[in-house]
Amino acid sequence: MVDAADAFLILAAEYNRGITAPLKNALDALYAEWAGKPVGYVSYGMSSAGLRAVEMITPVAVALGMTPLPDVVTLPLREVLDSDGRLIPGERRARSVQLLLEELRRYAEALSQLRKPAAA
């Protein structure tokens, strides 16, 4: 499934100022399948809105040959959860996600040439 994808959007939760073990394990379980593909991030957490997790995962993504996008959509939980715990991201963040997805598409198209086998 990973090999067939052209790009990735990682939802990065921040716990204890870092990334979750399942996310790190998912990335480490594969190697070549990630290479040459762009990755965008939507992060969430409390005070840093998950940015510390993105800062921690980005060097891992680079080591796997991925191309991280520069912009991150953040979800500060104190701002985006209603009193019942439902996500209400707001129009600005919804638009930011759309822009991030469009940028992922553009990067995926550009990087597709690098993923083609070299001519013999």
N, C-alpha and C. Protein backbone atom coordinates (compact mmCIF):
# COMPACT_ATOMS: atom_id res chain seq x y z
N MET A 1 0.82 -1.19 0.00
CA MET A 1 0.00 0.00 0.00
C MET A 1 0.88 1.27 0.00
N VAL A 2 1.90 1.27 0.81
CA VAL A 2 2.80 2.42 0.88
C VAL A 2 3.54 2.59 -0.43
N ASP A 3 4.00 1.51 -0.99
CA ASP A 3 4.74 1.57 -2.25
C ASP A 3 3.89 2.16 -3.37
N ALA A 4 2.60 1.86 -3.37
CA ALA A 4 1.71 2.33 -4.43
C ALA A 4 1.34 3.81 -4.31
N ALA A 5 1.51 4.39 -3.12
CA ALA A 5 1.13 5.79 -2.90
C ALA A 5 2.16 6.74 -3.51
N ASP A 6 1.67 7.90 -3.92
CA ASP A 6 2.54 8.92 -4.50
C ASP A 6 2.94 10.00 -3.51
N ALA A 7 2.22 10.10 -2.40
CA ALA A 7 2.47 11.14 -1.39
C ALA A 7 1.83 10.69 -0.09
N PHE A 8 2.23 11.37 0.99
CA PHE A 8 1.69 11.01 2.30
C PHE A 8 1.34 12.24 3.10
N LEU A 9 0.27 12.12 3.85
CA LEU A 9 -0.13 13.12 4.81
C LEU A 9 -0.12 12.42 6.16
N ILE A 10 0.75 12.86 7.04
CA ILE A 10 0.87 12.24 8.35
C ILE A 10 0.15 13.10 9.38
N LEU A 11 -0.73 12.47 10.11
CA LEU A 11 -1.38 13.12 11.25
C LEU A 11 -0.49 12.81 12.45
N ALA A 12 0.23 13.81 12.91
CA ALA A 12 1.23 13.63 13.95
C ALA A 12 0.72 14.13 15.30
N ALA A 13 0.47 13.19 16.18
CA ALA A 13 0.09 13.54 17.54
C ALA A 13 1.36 13.74 18.36
N GLU A 14 1.32 14.69 19.26
CA GLU A 14 2.46 14.89 20.15
C GLU A 14 2.12 14.36 21.53
N TYR A 15 2.96 13.45 22.00
CA TYR A 15 2.84 12.93 23.36
C TYR A 15 4.20 13.03 24.03
N ASN A 16 4.23 13.57 25.21
CA ASN A 16 5.49 13.70 25.96
C ASN A 16 6.57 14.38 25.13
N ARG A 17 6.17 15.43 24.41
CA ARG A 17 7.07 16.25 23.60
C ARG A 17 7.70 15.52 22.41
N GLY A 18 7.07 14.45 21.97
CA GLY A 18 7.63 13.72 20.84
C GLY A 18 6.57 13.00 20.04
N ILE A 19 7.03 12.12 19.16
CA ILE A 19 6.13 11.36 18.30
C ILE A 19 5.67 10.10 19.01
N THR A 20 4.62 9.52 18.51
CA THR A 20 4.11 8.29 19.09
C THR A 20 4.93 7.10 18.57
N ALA A 21 5.00 6.07 19.39
CA ALA A 21 5.73 4.86 19.00
C ALA A 21 5.12 4.19 17.77
N PRO A 22 3.78 4.11 17.65
CA PRO A 22 3.23 3.48 16.44
C PRO A 22 3.61 4.21 15.15
N LEU A 23 3.68 5.53 15.19
CA LEU A 23 4.09 6.28 14.00
C LEU A 23 5.54 5.97 13.65
N LYS A 24 6.42 6.02 14.63
CA LYS A 24 7.84 5.73 14.39
C LYS A 24 8.00 4.30 13.87
N ASN A 25 7.29 3.37 14.46
CA ASN A 25 7.35 1.98 14.02
C ASN A 25 6.87 1.82 12.58
N ALA A 26 5.79 2.51 12.24
CA ALA A 26 5.25 2.42 10.87
C ALA A 26 6.28 2.93 9.86
N LEU A 27 6.97 4.00 10.19
CA LEU A 27 7.99 4.51 9.29
C LEU A 27 9.19 3.58 9.21
N ASP A 28 9.61 3.06 10.36
CA ASP A 28 10.80 2.20 10.39
C ASP A 28 10.56 0.83 9.77
N ALA A 29 9.32 0.39 9.70
CA ALA A 29 9.03 -0.95 9.19
C ALA A 29 9.32 -1.06 7.69
N LEU A 30 9.35 0.05 7.00
CA LEU A 30 9.61 0.07 5.57
C LEU A 30 10.78 1.00 5.31
N TYR A 31 11.33 0.93 4.14
CA TYR A 31 12.40 1.87 3.81
C TYR A 31 12.24 2.37 2.37
N ALA A 32 12.48 1.51 1.42
CA ALA A 32 12.45 1.91 0.01
C ALA A 32 11.07 2.42 -0.42
N GLU A 33 10.03 1.93 0.22
CA GLU A 33 8.67 2.31 -0.16
C GLU A 33 8.37 3.78 0.08
N TRP A 34 9.07 4.42 1.01
CA TRP A 34 8.85 5.84 1.33
C TRP A 34 9.64 6.77 0.39
N ALA A 35 10.72 6.27 -0.16
CA ALA A 35 11.69 7.12 -0.87
C ALA A 35 11.10 7.84 -2.07
N GLY A 36 11.54 9.07 -2.24
CA GLY A 36 11.15 9.86 -3.39
C GLY A 36 9.73 10.39 -3.36
N LYS A 37 9.12 10.37 -2.18
CA LYS A 37 7.73 10.80 -2.07
C LYS A 37 7.61 11.95 -1.08
N PRO A 38 6.73 12.90 -1.38
CA PRO A 38 6.54 14.02 -0.46
C PRO A 38 5.68 13.62 0.73
N VAL A 39 5.88 14.34 1.81
CA VAL A 39 5.09 14.12 3.02
C VAL A 39 4.68 15.47 3.59
N GLY A 40 3.41 15.58 3.92
CA GLY A 40 2.88 16.76 4.59
C GLY A 40 2.42 16.36 5.98
N TYR A 41 2.30 17.34 6.84
CA TYR A 41 1.93 17.05 8.23
C TYR A 41 0.74 17.89 8.68
N VAL A 42 -0.14 17.22 9.39
CA VAL A 42 -1.14 17.88 10.22
C VAL A 42 -0.80 17.41 11.62
N SER A 43 -0.56 18.34 12.52
CA SER A 43 -0.16 17.95 13.87
C SER A 43 -1.17 18.45 14.89
N TYR A 44 -1.21 17.73 16.00
CA TYR A 44 -2.08 18.18 17.08
C TYR A 44 -1.45 17.89 18.43
N GLY A 45 -1.85 18.69 19.38
CA GLY A 45 -1.35 18.55 20.74
C GLY A 45 -1.80 19.75 21.55
N MET A 46 -1.27 19.85 22.73
CA MET A 46 -1.69 20.94 23.62
C MET A 46 -0.89 22.21 23.35
N SER A 47 0.09 22.53 24.14
CA SER A 47 0.74 23.83 24.05
C SER A 47 1.48 24.08 22.74
N SER A 48 2.10 23.06 22.15
CA SER A 48 2.81 23.29 20.89
C SER A 48 2.02 22.87 19.67
N ALA A 49 0.80 22.41 19.87
CA ALA A 49 -0.08 21.96 18.77
C ALA A 49 0.58 20.87 17.92
N GLY A 50 1.49 20.12 18.53
CA GLY A 50 2.11 19.02 17.84
C GLY A 50 3.36 19.36 17.05
N LEU A 51 3.79 20.61 17.09
CA LEU A 51 4.97 20.99 16.30
C LEU A 51 6.24 20.29 16.74
N ARG A 52 6.35 19.98 18.03
CA ARG A 52 7.54 19.26 18.48
C ARG A 52 7.58 17.85 17.88
N ALA A 53 6.42 17.24 17.70
CA ALA A 53 6.38 15.93 17.05
C ALA A 53 6.82 16.04 15.59
N VAL A 54 6.37 17.08 14.91
CA VAL A 54 6.78 17.28 13.51
C VAL A 54 8.29 17.51 13.43
N GLU A 55 8.82 18.30 14.36
CA GLU A 55 10.27 18.53 14.37
C GLU A 55 11.04 17.24 14.60
N MET A 56 10.45 16.31 15.34
CA MET A 56 11.12 15.05 15.63
C MET A 56 10.99 14.07 14.46
N ILE A 57 9.89 14.08 13.77
CA ILE A 57 9.67 13.11 12.70
C ILE A 57 10.31 13.54 11.38
N THR A 58 10.52 14.82 11.17
CA THR A 58 11.04 15.31 9.91
C THR A 58 12.42 14.74 9.57
N PRO A 59 13.39 14.69 10.50
CA PRO A 59 14.68 14.08 10.14
C PRO A 59 14.55 12.59 9.81
N VAL A 60 13.60 11.91 10.42
CA VAL A 60 13.35 10.50 10.10
C VAL A 60 12.85 10.40 8.66
N ALA A 61 11.91 11.27 8.30
CA ALA A 61 11.38 11.27 6.94
C ALA A 61 12.48 11.54 5.92
N VAL A 62 13.35 12.49 6.22
CA VAL A 62 14.46 12.81 5.32
C VAL A 62 15.39 11.60 5.18
N ALA A 63 15.68 10.93 6.30
CA ALA A 63 16.55 9.75 6.26
C ALA A 63 15.94 8.63 5.41
N LEU A 64 14.63 8.60 5.32
CA LEU A 64 13.94 7.60 4.51
C LEU A 64 13.80 8.03 3.04
N GLY A 65 14.34 9.21 2.70
CA GLY A 65 14.29 9.68 1.32
C GLY A 65 13.02 10.43 0.97
N MET A 66 12.25 10.79 1.97
CA MET A 66 11.02 11.54 1.72
C MET A 66 11.35 13.03 1.60
N THR A 67 10.43 13.79 1.04
CA THR A 67 10.57 15.24 0.93
C THR A 67 9.48 15.90 1.76
N PRO A 68 9.83 16.38 2.96
CA PRO A 68 8.83 17.05 3.79
C PRO A 68 8.44 18.41 3.22
N LEU A 69 7.16 18.71 3.25
CA LEU A 69 6.70 20.03 2.83
C LEU A 69 6.99 21.02 3.95
N PRO A 70 7.23 22.28 3.59
CA PRO A 70 7.60 23.25 4.61
C PRO A 70 6.46 23.68 5.54
N ASP A 71 5.24 23.70 5.05
CA ASP A 71 4.12 24.17 5.86
C ASP A 71 3.45 23.02 6.60
N VAL A 72 3.06 23.29 7.84
CA VAL A 72 2.39 22.31 8.69
C VAL A 72 1.06 22.89 9.12
N VAL A 73 0.01 22.10 9.08
CA VAL A 73 -1.28 22.52 9.62
C VAL A 73 -1.31 22.04 11.07
N THR A 74 -1.51 22.97 11.99
CA THR A 74 -1.51 22.62 13.41
C THR A 74 -2.92 22.71 13.98
N LEU A 75 -3.17 21.81 14.91
CA LEU A 75 -4.45 21.79 15.61
C LEU A 75 -4.18 21.88 17.12
N PRO A 76 -4.17 23.10 17.66
CA PRO A 76 -4.01 23.24 19.11
C PRO A 76 -5.31 22.78 19.78
N LEU A 77 -5.24 21.70 20.51
CA LEU A 77 -6.46 21.07 21.02
C LEU A 77 -7.31 21.99 21.89
N ARG A 78 -6.71 22.90 22.61
CA ARG A 78 -7.49 23.83 23.43
C ARG A 78 -8.37 24.75 22.59
N GLU A 79 -7.98 24.93 21.34
CA GLU A 79 -8.73 25.83 20.45
C GLU A 79 -9.70 25.10 19.53
N VAL A 80 -9.41 23.86 19.19
CA VAL A 80 -10.19 23.21 18.13
C VAL A 80 -11.16 22.14 18.63
N LEU A 81 -11.21 21.92 19.93
CA LEU A 81 -12.17 20.96 20.47
C LEU A 81 -13.30 21.70 21.18
N ASP A 82 -14.53 21.25 20.92
CA ASP A 82 -15.65 21.87 21.63
C ASP A 82 -15.79 21.22 23.00
N SER A 83 -16.77 21.64 23.77
CA SER A 83 -16.93 21.15 25.14
C SER A 83 -17.23 19.65 25.21
N ASP A 84 -17.67 19.07 24.11
CA ASP A 84 -17.92 17.63 24.05
C ASP A 84 -16.73 16.85 23.49
N GLY A 85 -15.64 17.54 23.20
CA GLY A 85 -14.45 16.88 22.68
C GLY A 85 -14.46 16.64 21.19
N ARG A 86 -15.41 17.25 20.47
CA ARG A 86 -15.46 17.11 19.01
C ARG A 86 -14.56 18.15 18.35
N LEU A 87 -13.94 17.73 17.25
CA LEU A 87 -13.05 18.61 16.51
C LEU A 87 -13.86 19.63 15.71
N ILE A 88 -13.57 20.89 15.95
CA ILE A 88 -14.15 22.00 15.20
C ILE A 88 -12.97 22.85 14.71
N PRO A 89 -12.36 22.46 13.58
CA PRO A 89 -11.13 23.13 13.17
C PRO A 89 -11.31 24.55 12.66
N GLY A 90 -12.50 24.89 12.22
CA GLY A 90 -12.72 26.23 11.70
C GLY A 90 -12.37 26.34 10.23
N GLU A 91 -12.89 27.37 9.62
CA GLU A 91 -12.73 27.57 8.18
C GLU A 91 -11.27 27.80 7.78
N ARG A 92 -10.53 28.56 8.58
CA ARG A 92 -9.13 28.86 8.25
C ARG A 92 -8.29 27.58 8.21
N ARG A 93 -8.46 26.72 9.19
CA ARG A 93 -7.68 25.48 9.21
C ARG A 93 -8.15 24.52 8.12
N ALA A 94 -9.44 24.48 7.86
CA ALA A 94 -9.95 23.63 6.78
C ALA A 94 -9.33 24.07 5.45
N ARG A 95 -9.24 25.36 5.24
CA ARG A 95 -8.61 25.89 4.01
C ARG A 95 -7.12 25.55 3.99
N SER A 96 -6.47 25.61 5.13
CA SER A 96 -5.04 25.27 5.22
C SER A 96 -4.81 23.82 4.84
N VAL A 97 -5.69 22.93 5.25
CA VAL A 97 -5.57 21.52 4.88
C VAL A 97 -5.74 21.37 3.37
N GLN A 98 -6.69 22.07 2.78
CA GLN A 98 -6.88 22.01 1.32
C GLN A 98 -5.63 22.48 0.59
N LEU A 99 -5.03 23.57 1.06
CA LEU A 99 -3.80 24.07 0.44
C LEU A 99 -2.65 23.07 0.59
N LEU A 100 -2.57 22.44 1.75
CA LEU A 100 -1.54 21.44 1.98
C LEU A 100 -1.71 20.24 1.04
N LEU A 101 -2.94 19.80 0.87
CA LEU A 101 -3.20 18.69 -0.05
C LEU A 101 -2.85 19.05 -1.49
N GLU A 102 -3.14 20.27 -1.88
CA GLU A 102 -2.79 20.73 -3.23
C GLU A 102 -1.27 20.77 -3.39
N GLU A 103 -0.58 21.23 -2.37
CA GLU A 103 0.89 21.27 -2.43
C GLU A 103 1.46 19.85 -2.48
N LEU A 104 0.87 18.93 -1.75
CA LEU A 104 1.30 17.53 -1.81
C LEU A 104 1.14 16.98 -3.23
N ARG A 105 0.03 17.31 -3.86
CA ARG A 105 -0.20 16.85 -5.23
C ARG A 105 0.87 17.40 -6.17
N ARG A 106 1.18 18.69 -6.03
CA ARG A 106 2.20 19.31 -6.89
C ARG A 106 3.57 18.67 -6.69
N TYR A 107 3.95 18.45 -5.45
CA TYR A 107 5.22 17.81 -5.14
C TYR A 107 5.24 16.38 -5.67
N ALA A 108 4.13 15.66 -5.50
CA ALA A 108 4.07 14.27 -5.98
C ALA A 108 4.29 14.21 -7.48
N GLU A 109 3.70 15.13 -8.20
CA GLU A 109 3.90 15.17 -9.65
C GLU A 109 5.35 15.46 -9.99
N ALA A 110 5.93 16.43 -9.32
CA ALA A 110 7.32 16.80 -9.60
C ALA A 110 8.29 15.66 -9.25
N LEU A 111 8.06 15.00 -8.13
CA LEU A 111 8.96 13.94 -7.69
C LEU A 111 8.74 12.62 -8.43
N SER A 112 7.65 12.51 -9.17
CA SER A 112 7.37 11.26 -9.87
C SER A 112 8.49 10.90 -10.85
N GLN A 113 9.13 11.90 -11.40
CA GLN A 113 10.24 11.63 -12.33
C GLN A 113 11.40 10.95 -11.62
N LEU A 114 11.62 11.28 -10.36
CA LEU A 114 12.72 10.67 -9.60
C LEU A 114 12.42 9.23 -9.24
N ARG A 115 11.16 8.87 -9.18
CA ARG A 115 10.79 7.51 -8.80
C ARG A 115 10.78 6.54 -9.98
N LYS A 116 10.93 7.05 -11.18
CA LYS A 116 10.95 6.18 -12.35
C LYS A 116 12.29 5.45 -12.41
N PRO A 117 12.27 4.19 -12.79
CA PRO A 117 13.54 3.45 -12.92
C PRO A 117 14.45 4.13 -13.95
N ALA A 118 15.73 4.11 -13.65
CA ALA A 118 16.72 4.70 -14.57
C ALA A 118 16.80 3.85 -15.84
N ALA A 119 16.98 4.54 -16.95
CA ALA A 119 17.12 3.83 -18.23
C ALA A 119 18.47 3.09 -18.26
N ALA A 120 18.44 1.90 -18.81
CA ALA A 120 19.67 1.08 -18.85
C ALA A 120 20.60 1.50 -19.95
